[in-house]
Amino acid sequence: MNILVAIIAIVAIILLFTGGFVQSLNFLLWVGVVLLVIALIVWLLRFLGGKKTV
């Protein structure tokens, strides 16, 4: 009986860490998408505005 409780506790801890890891990866994915959009906007503004060097 004690072995069963220990196995359940270990599985619960592993699932807890896995769930937190997946949520943090999901958050980082959205941060990456937002940074990519910001970089594209800045690049477009520089490209369209252009620095006209003589």
Protein backbone atom coordinates (compact mmCIF):
# COMPACT_ATOMS: atom_id res chain seq x y z
CA MET A 1 0.00 0.00 0.00
CA ASN A 2 2.83 2.41 0.85
CA ILE A 3 4.52 1.68 -2.49
CA LEU A 4 1.32 2.55 -4.33
CA VAL A 5 1.05 5.88 -2.50
CA ALA A 6 4.70 6.64 -3.27
CA ILE A 7 4.22 5.85 -6.98
CA ILE A 8 1.11 8.05 -7.14
CA ALA A 9 2.98 10.89 -5.41
CA ILE A 10 5.93 10.61 -7.82
CA VAL A 11 3.62 10.58 -10.85
CA ALA A 12 1.74 13.60 -9.47
CA ILE A 13 4.99 15.53 -8.99
CA ILE A 14 6.18 14.66 -12.50
CA LEU A 15 2.85 15.79 -13.98
CA LEU A 16 3.02 19.01 -11.98
CA PHE A 17 6.47 19.86 -13.35
CA THR A 18 5.48 18.84 -16.88
CA GLY A 19 2.37 21.02 -16.77
CA GLY A 20 4.35 24.02 -15.55
CA PHE A 21 6.99 23.45 -18.23
CA VAL A 22 4.37 23.32 -20.99
CA GLN A 23 2.70 26.51 -19.74
CA SER A 24 6.03 28.36 -19.62
CA LEU A 25 6.85 27.19 -23.17
CA ASN A 26 3.45 28.39 -24.34
CA PHE A 27 4.12 31.80 -22.74
CA LEU A 28 7.57 32.00 -24.33
CA LEU A 29 6.08 31.11 -27.70
CA TRP A 30 3.70 34.08 -27.49
CA VAL A 31 6.53 36.37 -26.36
CA GLY A 32 8.54 35.25 -29.40
CA VAL A 33 5.60 35.91 -31.73
CA VAL A 34 5.10 39.41 -30.28
CA LEU A 35 8.83 40.20 -30.60
CA LEU A 36 8.80 38.97 -34.20
CA VAL A 37 5.85 41.23 -35.05
CA ILE A 38 7.56 44.22 -33.41
CA ALA A 39 10.77 43.50 -35.33
CA LEU A 40 8.85 43.30 -38.62
CA ILE A 41 7.10 46.62 -37.92
CA VAL A 42 10.40 48.33 -37.12
CA TRP A 43 12.02 46.85 -40.25
CA LEU A 44 9.10 48.02 -42.41
CA LEU A 45 9.26 51.53 -40.95
CA ARG A 46 12.99 51.74 -41.66
CA PHE A 47 12.57 50.27 -45.14
CA LEU A 48 9.68 52.54 -46.13
CA GLY A 49 11.08 55.64 -44.42
CA GLY A 50 14.57 54.91 -45.60
CA LYS A 51 17.75 56.73 -44.75
CA LYS A 52 18.65 58.61 -47.87
CA THR A 53 22.41 58.92 -47.87
CA VAL A 54 24.00 61.06 -50.52
